[in-house]
Amino acid sequence: MITVLVLVSLLAMFGLCLPSLLRPMPPRPAPGPAPAEDAHPESMTAELDPGDEEYLAGLADELWPEDEYLEMEPTTDGEEESGGSGMRL
Protein backbone atom coordinates (compact mmCIF):
# COMPACT_ATOMS: atom_id res chain seq x y z
CA MET A 1 0.00 0.00 0.00
CA ILE A 2 2.80 2.44 0.92
CA THR A 3 4.64 1.60 -2.31
CA VAL A 4 1.57 2.55 -4.33
CA LEU A 5 1.27 5.88 -2.48
CA VAL A 6 4.94 6.68 -3.09
CA LEU A 7 4.65 5.82 -6.79
CA VAL A 8 1.48 7.90 -7.18
CA SER A 9 3.19 10.84 -5.42
CA LEU A 10 6.23 10.58 -7.69
CA LEU A 11 4.05 10.41 -10.80
CA ALA A 12 2.06 13.45 -9.64
CA MET A 13 5.27 15.44 -9.04
CA PHE A 14 6.62 14.39 -12.43
CA GLY A 15 3.34 15.40 -14.05
CA LEU A 16 3.52 18.84 -12.42
CA CYS A 17 7.15 19.37 -13.49
CA LEU A 18 6.72 18.02 -17.02
CA PRO A 19 5.55 21.30 -18.64
CA SER A 20 8.58 23.21 -17.36
CA LEU A 21 10.89 20.38 -18.44
CA LEU A 22 9.53 20.44 -21.99
CA ARG A 23 9.70 24.23 -22.36
CA PRO A 24 12.42 25.30 -24.82
CA MET A 25 15.55 26.89 -23.36
CA PRO A 26 15.96 30.64 -23.95
CA PRO A 27 18.74 31.51 -26.41
CA ARG A 28 22.13 32.31 -24.93
CA PRO A 29 23.40 35.84 -25.40
CA ALA A 30 26.29 36.22 -27.80
CA PRO A 31 29.63 36.33 -26.03
CA GLY A 32 30.93 39.86 -25.76
CA PRO A 33 34.42 41.16 -25.19
CA ALA A 34 36.04 40.02 -21.98
CA PRO A 35 35.97 42.66 -19.24
CA ALA A 36 39.25 44.32 -18.40
CA GLU A 37 40.92 42.77 -15.37
CA ASP A 38 41.13 46.08 -13.53
CA ALA A 39 37.53 47.13 -14.30
CA HIS A 40 35.28 47.64 -11.28
CA PRO A 41 31.57 48.36 -11.29
CA GLU A 42 32.05 50.94 -8.55
CA SER A 43 34.25 53.99 -8.64
CA MET A 44 37.55 53.42 -6.88
CA THR A 45 38.41 57.13 -6.81
CA ALA A 46 35.08 58.70 -5.82
CA GLU A 47 35.35 61.54 -3.34
CA LEU A 48 33.09 61.36 -0.30
CA ASP A 49 31.37 64.30 1.32
CA PRO A 50 33.23 65.33 4.52
CA GLY A 51 30.24 64.28 6.66
CA ASP A 52 30.12 60.83 5.05
CA GLU A 53 33.87 60.42 5.44
CA GLU A 54 33.67 61.34 9.13
CA TYR A 55 30.73 58.96 9.66
CA LEU A 56 32.57 56.06 8.00
CA ALA A 57 35.73 56.77 10.01
CA GLY A 58 33.75 56.73 13.26
CA LEU A 59 31.95 53.56 12.24
CA ALA A 60 35.22 51.83 11.36
CA ASP A 61 36.73 52.89 14.69
CA GLU A 62 33.70 51.50 16.52
CA LEU A 63 33.62 48.20 14.60
CA TRP A 64 37.37 47.58 14.47
CA PRO A 65 38.95 49.35 17.47
CA GLU A 66 42.23 47.38 17.24
CA ASP A 67 42.72 47.88 13.50
CA GLU A 68 46.46 47.94 12.78
CA TYR A 69 45.93 50.02 9.65
CA LEU A 70 44.78 53.00 11.70
CA GLU A 71 48.15 53.33 13.46
CA MET A 72 50.48 56.06 12.26
CA GLU A 73 53.52 54.69 10.48
CA PRO A 74 56.84 56.54 10.10
CA THR A 75 58.17 56.95 6.58
CA THR A 76 61.70 57.31 5.30
CA ASP A 77 61.30 61.08 4.84
CA GLY A 78 60.48 61.70 8.51
CA GLU A 79 56.78 62.23 7.91
CA GLU A 80 54.15 59.93 9.35
CA GLU A 81 51.42 58.38 7.27
CA SER A 82 48.51 56.24 8.34
CA GLY A 83 48.05 52.64 7.35
CA GLY A 84 50.20 49.59 7.04
CA SER A 85 50.84 46.49 9.06
CA GLY A 86 54.19 47.54 10.48
CA MET A 87 55.99 45.02 8.28
CA ARG A 88 58.97 46.29 6.33
CA LEU A 89 59.92 44.81 2.96
PDB file of N, CA and C in Angstrom:
ATOM      1  N   MET A   1       0.821  -1.191   0.000  1.00  0.00           N
ATOM      2  CA  MET A   1       0.000   0.000   0.000  1.00  0.00           C
ATOM      3  C   MET A   1       0.875   1.268   0.000  1.00  0.00           C
ATOM      4  N   ILE A   2       1.922   1.281   0.838  1.00  0.00           N
ATOM      5  CA  ILE A   2       2.802   2.444   0.918  1.00  0.00           C
ATOM      6  C   ILE A   2       3.542   2.631  -0.411  1.00  0.00           C
ATOM      7  N   THR A   3       3.937   1.536  -1.032  1.00  0.00           N
ATOM      8  CA  THR A   3       4.636   1.604  -2.309  1.00  0.00           C
ATOM      9  C   THR A   3       3.765   2.271  -3.367  1.00  0.00           C
ATOM     10  N   VAL A   4       2.489   1.958  -3.369  1.00  0.00           N
ATOM     11  CA  VAL A   4       1.567   2.551  -4.331  1.00  0.00           C
ATOM     12  C   VAL A   4       1.448   4.054  -4.081  1.00  0.00           C
ATOM     13  N   LEU A   5       1.368   4.460  -2.807  1.00  0.00           N
ATOM     14  CA  LEU A   5       1.268   5.884  -2.482  1.00  0.00           C
ATOM     15  C   LEU A   5       2.528   6.639  -2.911  1.00  0.00           C
ATOM     16  N   VAL A   6       3.679   6.041  -2.696  1.00  0.00           N
ATOM     17  CA  VAL A   6       4.938   6.678  -3.087  1.00  0.00           C
ATOM     18  C   VAL A   6       4.997   6.813  -4.608  1.00  0.00           C
ATOM     19  N   LEU A   7       4.626   5.756  -5.331  1.00  0.00           N
ATOM     20  CA  LEU A   7       4.647   5.819  -6.789  1.00  0.00           C
ATOM     21  C   LEU A   7       3.662   6.856  -7.331  1.00  0.00           C
ATOM     22  N   VAL A   8       2.458   6.915  -6.748  1.00  0.00           N
ATOM     23  CA  VAL A   8       1.481   7.900  -7.182  1.00  0.00           C
ATOM     24  C   VAL A   8       1.994   9.313  -6.902  1.00  0.00           C
ATOM     25  N   SER A   9       2.637   9.523  -5.758  1.00  0.00           N
ATOM     26  CA  SER A   9       3.193  10.842  -5.422  1.00  0.00           C
ATOM     27  C   SER A   9       4.286  11.234  -6.410  1.00  0.00           C
ATOM     28  N   LEU A  10       5.158  10.289  -6.733  1.00  0.00           N
ATOM     29  CA  LEU A  10       6.229  10.577  -7.689  1.00  0.00           C
ATOM     30  C   LEU A  10       5.669  10.887  -9.074  1.00  0.00           C
ATOM     31  N   LEU A  11       4.672  10.146  -9.502  1.00  0.00           N
ATOM     32  CA  LEU A  11       4.051  10.410 -10.795  1.00  0.00           C
ATOM     33  C   LEU A  11       3.364  11.771 -10.813  1.00  0.00           C
ATOM     34  N   ALA A  12       2.717  12.145  -9.707  1.00  0.00           N
ATOM     35  CA  ALA A  12       2.061  13.450  -9.635  1.00  0.00           C
ATOM     36  C   ALA A  12       3.099  14.574  -9.706  1.00  0.00           C
ATOM     37  N   MET A  13       4.210  14.422  -8.991  1.00  0.00           N
ATOM     38  CA  MET A  13       5.271  15.444  -9.036  1.00  0.00           C
ATOM     39  C   MET A  13       5.868  15.534 -10.434  1.00  0.00           C
ATOM     40  N   PHE A  14       6.088  14.388 -11.070  1.00  0.00           N
ATOM     41  CA  PHE A  14       6.623  14.386 -12.425  1.00  0.00           C
ATOM     42  C   PHE A  14       5.650  15.063 -13.381  1.00  0.00           C
ATOM     43  N   GLY A  15       4.360  14.783 -13.209  1.00  0.00           N
ATOM     44  CA  GLY A  15       3.343  15.400 -14.052  1.00  0.00           C
ATOM     45  C   GLY A  15       3.292  16.909 -13.882  1.00  0.00           C
ATOM     46  N   LEU A  16       3.518  17.399 -12.649  1.00  0.00           N
ATOM     47  CA  LEU A  16       3.522  18.837 -12.416  1.00  0.00           C
ATOM     48  C   LEU A  16       4.768  19.502 -12.996  1.00  0.00           C
ATOM     49  N   CYS A  17       5.885  18.799 -13.002  1.00  0.00           N
ATOM     50  CA  CYS A  17       7.146  19.367 -13.493  1.00  0.00           C
ATOM     51  C   CYS A  17       7.320  19.210 -14.999  1.00  0.00           C
ATOM     52  N   LEU A  18       6.551  18.320 -15.606  1.00  0.00           N
ATOM     53  CA  LEU A  18       6.720  18.022 -17.022  1.00  0.00           C
ATOM     54  C   LEU A  18       6.599  19.244 -17.936  1.00  0.00           C
ATOM     55  N   PRO A  19       5.624  20.136 -17.736  1.00  0.00           N
ATOM     56  CA  PRO A  19       5.550  21.302 -18.637  1.00  0.00           C
ATOM     57  C   PRO A  19       6.803  22.175 -18.592  1.00  0.00           C
ATOM     58  N   SER A  20       7.375  22.369 -17.420  1.00  0.00           N
ATOM     59  CA  SER A  20       8.577  23.208 -17.359  1.00  0.00           C
ATOM     60  C   SER A  20       9.792  22.473 -17.914  1.00  0.00           C
ATOM     61  N   LEU A  21       9.776  21.137 -17.864  1.00  0.00           N
ATOM     62  CA  LEU A  21      10.892  20.382 -18.436  1.00  0.00           C
ATOM     63  C   LEU A  21      10.855  20.390 -19.959  1.00  0.00           C
ATOM     64  N   LEU A  22       9.664  20.465 -20.535  1.00  0.00           N
ATOM     65  CA  LEU A  22       9.529  20.438 -21.990  1.00  0.00           C
ATOM     66  C   LEU A  22       9.606  21.817 -22.630  1.00  0.00           C
ATOM     67  N   ARG A  23       9.619  22.873 -21.831  1.00  0.00           N
ATOM     68  CA  ARG A  23       9.700  24.230 -22.357  1.00  0.00           C
ATOM     69  C   ARG A  23      11.065  24.450 -23.005  1.00  0.00           C
ATOM     70  N   PRO A  24      11.120  25.086 -24.170  1.00  0.00           N
ATOM     71  CA  PRO A  24      12.421  25.302 -24.816  1.00  0.00           C
ATOM     72  C   PRO A  24      13.285  26.268 -23.998  1.00  0.00           C
ATOM     73  N   MET A  25      14.588  26.047 -24.082  1.00  0.00           N
ATOM     74  CA  MET A  25      15.546  26.886 -23.364  1.00  0.00           C
ATOM     75  C   MET A  25      15.649  28.235 -24.067  1.00  0.00           C
ATOM     76  N   PRO A  26      15.778  29.328 -23.304  1.00  0.00           N
ATOM     77  CA  PRO A  26      15.958  30.637 -23.949  1.00  0.00           C
ATOM     78  C   PRO A  26      17.324  30.687 -24.629  1.00  0.00           C
ATOM     79  N   PRO A  27      17.447  31.445 -25.710  1.00  0.00           N
ATOM     80  CA  PRO A  27      18.740  31.514 -26.406  1.00  0.00           C
ATOM     81  C   PRO A  27      19.791  32.185 -25.530  1.00  0.00           C
ATOM     82  N   ARG A  28      21.004  31.716 -25.680  1.00  0.00           N
ATOM     83  CA  ARG A  28      22.127  32.308 -24.930  1.00  0.00           C
ATOM     84  C   ARG A  28      22.534  33.611 -25.590  1.00  0.00           C
ATOM     85  N   PRO A  29      22.911  34.603 -24.786  1.00  0.00           N
ATOM     86  CA  PRO A  29      23.397  35.845 -25.400  1.00  0.00           C
ATOM     87  C   PRO A  29      24.756  35.603 -26.062  1.00  0.00           C
ATOM     88  N   ALA A  30      25.005  36.344 -27.102  1.00  0.00           N
ATOM     89  CA  ALA A  30      26.287  36.218 -27.803  1.00  0.00           C
ATOM     90  C   ALA A  30      27.405  36.655 -26.882  1.00  0.00           C
ATOM     91  N   PRO A  31      28.525  35.937 -26.897  1.00  0.00           N
ATOM     92  CA  PRO A  31      29.630  36.334 -26.027  1.00  0.00           C
ATOM     93  C   PRO A  31      30.196  37.678 -26.462  1.00  0.00           C
ATOM     94  N   GLY A  32      30.384  38.542 -25.490  1.00  0.00           N
ATOM     95  CA  GLY A  32      30.931  39.861 -25.760  1.00  0.00           C
ATOM     96  C   GLY A  32      32.410  39.892 -25.432  1.00  0.00           C
ATOM     97  N   PRO A  33      32.988  41.054 -25.532  1.00  0.00           N
ATOM     98  CA  PRO A  33      34.417  41.162 -25.186  1.00  0.00           C
ATOM     99  C   PRO A  33      34.610  40.903 -23.702  1.00  0.00           C
ATOM    100  N   ALA A  34      35.730  40.306 -23.374  1.00  0.00           N
ATOM    101  CA  ALA A  34      36.044  40.015 -21.978  1.00  0.00           C
ATOM    102  C   ALA A  34      36.265  41.325 -21.233  1.00  0.00           C
ATOM    103  N   PRO A  35      35.749  41.420 -19.997  1.00  0.00           N
ATOM    104  CA  PRO A  35      35.969  42.662 -19.240  1.00  0.00           C
ATOM    105  C   PRO A  35      37.439  42.816 -18.879  1.00  0.00           C
ATOM    106  N   ALA A  36      37.865  44.043 -18.796  1.00  0.00           N
ATOM    107  CA  ALA A  36      39.245  44.319 -18.399  1.00  0.00           C
ATOM    108  C   ALA A  36      39.457  43.839 -16.973  1.00  0.00           C
ATOM    109  N   GLU A  37      40.651  43.336 -16.693  1.00  0.00           N
ATOM    110  CA  GLU A  37      40.917  42.768 -15.368  1.00  0.00           C
ATOM    111  C   GLU A  37      40.832  43.811 -14.266  1.00  0.00           C
ATOM    112  N   ASP A  38      41.141  45.055 -14.562  1.00  0.00           N
ATOM    113  CA  ASP A  38      41.130  46.078 -13.529  1.00  0.00           C
ATOM    114  C   ASP A  38      39.821  46.869 -13.506  1.00  0.00           C
ATOM    115  N   ALA A  39      38.809  46.423 -14.256  1.00  0.00           N
ATOM    116  CA  ALA A  39      37.529  47.133 -14.298  1.00  0.00           C
ATOM    117  C   ALA A  39      36.720  46.806 -13.049  1.00  0.00           C
ATOM    118  N   HIS A  40      36.124  47.807 -12.459  1.00  0.00           N
ATOM    119  CA  HIS A  40      35.284  47.637 -11.281  1.00  0.00           C
ATOM    120  C   HIS A  40      33.947  48.312 -11.561  1.00  0.00           C
ATOM    121  N   PRO A  41      32.863  47.711 -11.074  1.00  0.00           N
ATOM    122  CA  PRO A  41      31.570  48.359 -11.295  1.00  0.00           C
ATOM    123  C   PRO A  41      31.408  49.625 -10.469  1.00  0.00           C
ATOM    124  N   GLU A  42      32.142  49.746  -9.378  1.00  0.00           N
ATOM    125  CA  GLU A  42      32.046  50.939  -8.552  1.00  0.00           C
ATOM    126  C   GLU A  42      33.282  51.820  -8.778  1.00  0.00           C
ATOM    127  N   SER A  43      33.132  53.077  -8.470  1.00  0.00           N
ATOM    128  CA  SER A  43      34.250  53.992  -8.641  1.00  0.00           C
ATOM    129  C   SER A  43      35.259  53.781  -7.524  1.00  0.00           C
ATOM    130  N   MET A  44      36.505  53.616  -7.885  1.00  0.00           N
ATOM    131  CA  MET A  44      37.553  53.417  -6.883  1.00  0.00           C
ATOM    132  C   MET A  44      38.175  54.745  -6.462  1.00  0.00           C
ATOM    133  N   THR A  45      37.808  55.840  -7.126  1.00  0.00           N
ATOM    134  CA  THR A  45      38.410  57.127  -6.812  1.00  0.00           C
ATOM    135  C   THR A  45      37.367  58.171  -6.437  1.00  0.00           C
ATOM    136  N   ALA A  46      36.148  57.749  -6.136  1.00  0.00           N
ATOM    137  CA  ALA A  46      35.081  58.701  -5.816  1.00  0.00           C
ATOM    138  C   ALA A  46      35.407  59.437  -4.517  1.00  0.00           C
ATOM    139  N   GLU A  47      35.164  60.727  -4.525  1.00  0.00           N
ATOM    140  CA  GLU A  47      35.355  61.543  -3.335  1.00  0.00           C
ATOM    141  C   GLU A  47      34.084  61.509  -2.500  1.00  0.00           C
ATOM    142  N   LEU A  48      34.236  61.350  -1.198  1.00  0.00           N
ATOM    143  CA  LEU A  48      33.088  61.362  -0.296  1.00  0.00           C
ATOM    144  C   LEU A  48      32.878  62.764   0.256  1.00  0.00           C
ATOM    145  N   ASP A  49      31.646  63.054   0.615  1.00  0.00           N
ATOM    146  CA  ASP A  49      31.372  64.295   1.323  1.00  0.00           C
ATOM    147  C   ASP A  49      32.070  64.226   2.676  1.00  0.00           C
ATOM    148  N   PRO A  50      32.533  65.357   3.230  1.00  0.00           N
ATOM    149  CA  PRO A  50      33.229  65.330   4.523  1.00  0.00           C
ATOM    150  C   PRO A  50      32.391  64.673   5.625  1.00  0.00           C
ATOM    151  N   GLY A  51      31.082  64.897   5.641  1.00  0.00           N
ATOM    152  CA  GLY A  51      30.241  64.275   6.662  1.00  0.00           C
ATOM    153  C   GLY A  51      30.196  62.762   6.530  1.00  0.00           C
ATOM    154  N   ASP A  52      30.125  62.273   5.286  1.00  0.00           N
ATOM    155  CA  ASP A  52      30.122  60.829   5.047  1.00  0.00           C
ATOM    156  C   ASP A  52      31.460  60.217   5.434  1.00  0.00           C
ATOM    157  N   GLU A  53      32.535  60.920   5.110  1.00  0.00           N
ATOM    158  CA  GLU A  53      33.867  60.424   5.442  1.00  0.00           C
ATOM    159  C   GLU A  53      34.048  60.326   6.954  1.00  0.00           C
ATOM    160  N   GLU A  54      33.574  61.342   7.671  1.00  0.00           N
ATOM    161  CA  GLU A  54      33.672  61.336   9.133  1.00  0.00           C
ATOM    162  C   GLU A  54      32.814  60.218   9.724  1.00  0.00           C
ATOM    163  N   TYR A  55      31.613  60.022   9.177  1.00  0.00           N
ATOM    164  CA  TYR A  55      30.728  58.960   9.658  1.00  0.00           C
ATOM    165  C   TYR A  55      31.375  57.588   9.461  1.00  0.00           C
ATOM    166  N   LEU A  56      31.948  57.348   8.264  1.00  0.00           N
ATOM    167  CA  LEU A  56      32.572  56.061   8.004  1.00  0.00           C
ATOM    168  C   LEU A  56      33.809  55.845   8.878  1.00  0.00           C
ATOM    169  N   ALA A  57      34.570  56.890   9.138  1.00  0.00           N
ATOM    170  CA  ALA A  57      35.734  56.768  10.005  1.00  0.00           C
ATOM    171  C   ALA A  57      35.307  56.403  11.427  1.00  0.00           C
ATOM    172  N   GLY A  58      34.250  57.055  11.922  1.00  0.00           N
ATOM    173  CA  GLY A  58      33.750  56.731  13.255  1.00  0.00           C
ATOM    174  C   GLY A  58      33.194  55.324  13.327  1.00  0.00           C
ATOM    175  N   LEU A  59      32.502  54.909  12.284  1.00  0.00           N
ATOM    176  CA  LEU A  59      31.946  53.563  12.238  1.00  0.00           C
ATOM    177  C   LEU A  59      33.059  52.519  12.217  1.00  0.00           C
ATOM    178  N   ALA A  60      34.090  52.756  11.423  1.00  0.00           N
ATOM    179  CA  ALA A  60      35.223  51.832  11.362  1.00  0.00           C
ATOM    180  C   ALA A  60      35.927  51.748  12.707  1.00  0.00           C
ATOM    181  N   ASP A  61      36.085  52.884  13.380  1.00  0.00           N
ATOM    182  CA  ASP A  61      36.726  52.893  14.690  1.00  0.00           C
ATOM    183  C   ASP A  61      35.902  52.116  15.712  1.00  0.00           C
ATOM    184  N   GLU A  62      34.587  52.212  15.590  1.00  0.00           N
ATOM    185  CA  GLU A  62      33.703  51.498  16.516  1.00  0.00           C
ATOM    186  C   GLU A  62      33.697  49.991  16.237  1.00  0.00           C
ATOM    187  N   LEU A  63      33.685  49.614  14.961  1.00  0.00           N
ATOM    188  CA  LEU A  63      33.618  48.197  14.601  1.00  0.00           C
ATOM    189  C   LEU A  63      34.955  47.488  14.714  1.00  0.00           C
ATOM    190  N   TRP A  64      36.038  48.190  14.423  1.00  0.00           N
ATOM    191  CA  TRP A  64      37.369  47.585  14.470  1.00  0.00           C
ATOM    192  C   TRP A  64      38.307  48.453  15.304  1.00  0.00           C
ATOM    193  N   PRO A  65      38.149  48.453  16.638  1.00  0.00           N
ATOM    194  CA  PRO A  65      38.954  49.351  17.470  1.00  0.00           C
ATOM    195  C   PRO A  65      40.442  49.002  17.477  1.00  0.00           C
ATOM    196  N   GLU A  66      40.817  47.779  17.220  1.00  0.00           N
ATOM    197  CA  GLU A  66      42.227  47.377  17.244  1.00  0.00           C
ATOM    198  C   GLU A  66      42.815  47.258  15.840  1.00  0.00           C
ATOM    199  N   ASP A  67      42.279  47.981  14.885  1.00  0.00           N
ATOM    200  CA  ASP A  67      42.722  47.878  13.503  1.00  0.00           C
ATOM    201  C   ASP A  67      44.142  48.404  13.365  1.00  0.00           C
ATOM    202  N   GLU A  68      45.053  47.549  12.906  1.00  0.00           N
ATOM    203  CA  GLU A  68      46.455  47.939  12.778  1.00  0.00           C
ATOM    204  C   GLU A  68      46.686  48.959  11.678  1.00  0.00           C
ATOM    205  N   TYR A  69      45.757  49.078  10.736  1.00  0.00           N
ATOM    206  CA  TYR A  69      45.933  50.021   9.647  1.00  0.00           C
ATOM    207  C   TYR A  69      45.620  51.454  10.063  1.00  0.00           C
ATOM    208  N   LEU A  70      45.062  51.658  11.230  1.00  0.00           N
ATOM    209  CA  LEU A  70      44.783  53.002  11.699  1.00  0.00           C
ATOM    210  C   LEU A  70      45.980  53.627  12.413  1.00  0.00           C
ATOM    211  N   GLU A  71      46.972  52.808  12.765  1.00  0.00           N
ATOM    212  CA  GLU A  71      48.148  53.327  13.459  1.00  0.00           C
ATOM    213  C   GLU A  71      48.991  54.172  12.511  1.00  0.00           C
ATOM    214  N   MET A  72      49.598  55.225  13.061  1.00  0.00           N
ATOM    215  CA  MET A  72      50.484  56.057  12.257  1.00  0.00           C
ATOM    216  C   MET A  72      51.788  55.291  12.038  1.00  0.00           C
ATOM    217  N   GLU A  73      52.334  55.442  10.861  1.00  0.00           N
ATOM    218  CA  GLU A  73      53.520  54.693  10.483  1.00  0.00           C
ATOM    219  C   GLU A  73      54.590  55.660   9.995  1.00  0.00           C
ATOM    220  N   PRO A  74      55.795  55.629  10.567  1.00  0.00           N
ATOM    221  CA  PRO A  74      56.843  56.540  10.104  1.00  0.00           C
ATOM    222  C   PRO A  74      57.297  56.174   8.697  1.00  0.00           C
ATOM    223  N   THR A  75      57.670  57.179   7.925  1.00  0.00           N
ATOM    224  CA  THR A  75      58.169  56.948   6.575  1.00  0.00           C
ATOM    225  C   THR A  75      59.644  57.293   6.530  1.00  0.00           C
ATOM    226  N   THR A  76      60.260  57.063   5.408  1.00  0.00           N
ATOM    227  CA  THR A  76      61.701  57.314   5.296  1.00  0.00           C
ATOM    228  C   THR A  76      62.027  58.802   5.246  1.00  0.00           C
ATOM    229  N   ASP A  77      61.021  59.655   4.918  1.00  0.00           N
ATOM    230  CA  ASP A  77      61.295  61.084   4.842  1.00  0.00           C
ATOM    231  C   ASP A  77      60.977  61.822   6.144  1.00  0.00           C
ATOM    232  N   GLY A  78      60.738  61.079   7.219  1.00  0.00           N
ATOM    233  CA  GLY A  78      60.483  61.701   8.509  1.00  0.00           C
ATOM    234  C   GLY A  78      59.024  62.019   8.766  1.00  0.00           C
ATOM    235  N   GLU A  79      58.208  61.981   7.741  1.00  0.00           N
ATOM    236  CA  GLU A  79      56.775  62.229   7.906  1.00  0.00           C
ATOM    237  C   GLU A  79      56.103  60.946   8.384  1.00  0.00           C
ATOM    238  N   GLU A  80      54.923  61.105   8.960  1.00  0.00           N
ATOM    239  CA  GLU A  80      54.149  59.934   9.347  1.00  0.00           C
ATOM    240  C   GLU A  80      52.954  59.822   8.420  1.00  0.00           C
ATOM    241  N   GLU A  81      52.628  58.598   8.056  1.00  0.00           N
ATOM    242  CA  GLU A  81      51.423  58.375   7.269  1.00  0.00           C
ATOM    243  C   GLU A  81      50.648  57.222   7.903  1.00  0.00           C
ATOM    244  N   SER A  82      49.323  57.289   7.729  1.00  0.00           N
ATOM    245  CA  SER A  82      48.507  56.236   8.336  1.00  0.00           C
ATOM    246  C   SER A  82      48.490  55.016   7.453  1.00  0.00           C
ATOM    247  N   GLY A  83      48.207  53.886   8.075  1.00  0.00           N
ATOM    248  CA  GLY A  83      48.053  52.638   7.348  1.00  0.00           C
ATOM    249  C   GLY A  83      49.297  51.791   7.393  1.00  0.00           C
ATOM    250  N   GLY A  84      49.092  50.526   7.071  1.00  0.00           N
ATOM    251  CA  GLY A  84      50.205  49.589   7.037  1.00  0.00           C
ATOM    252  C   GLY A  84      50.138  48.616   8.169  1.00  0.00           C
ATOM    253  N   SER A  85      50.861  47.539   8.039  1.00  0.00           N
ATOM    254  CA  SER A  85      50.843  46.491   9.058  1.00  0.00           C
ATOM    255  C   SER A  85      52.070  46.553   9.943  1.00  0.00           C
ATOM    256  N   GLY A  86      52.970  47.471   9.694  1.00  0.00           N
ATOM    257  CA  GLY A  86      54.186  47.539  10.479  1.00  0.00           C
ATOM    258  C   GLY A  86      55.285  46.667   9.921  1.00  0.00           C
ATOM    259  N   MET A  87      54.993  45.892   8.887  1.00  0.00           N
ATOM    260  CA  MET A  87      55.986  45.024   8.283  1.00  0.00           C
ATOM    261  C   MET A  87      56.808  45.823   7.285  1.00  0.00           C
ATOM    262  N   ARG A  88      58.085  45.628   7.284  1.00  0.00           N
ATOM    263  CA  ARG A  88      58.974  46.288   6.327  1.00  0.00           C
ATOM    264  C   ARG A  88      59.414  45.281   5.287  1.00  0.00           C
ATOM    265  N   LEU A  89      59.481  45.708   4.043  1.00  0.00           N
ATOM    266  CA  LEU A  89      59.919  44.811   2.960  1.00  0.00           C
ATOM    267  C   LEU A  89      61.402  44.874   2.790  1.00  0.00           C
TER     268      LEU A  89
END
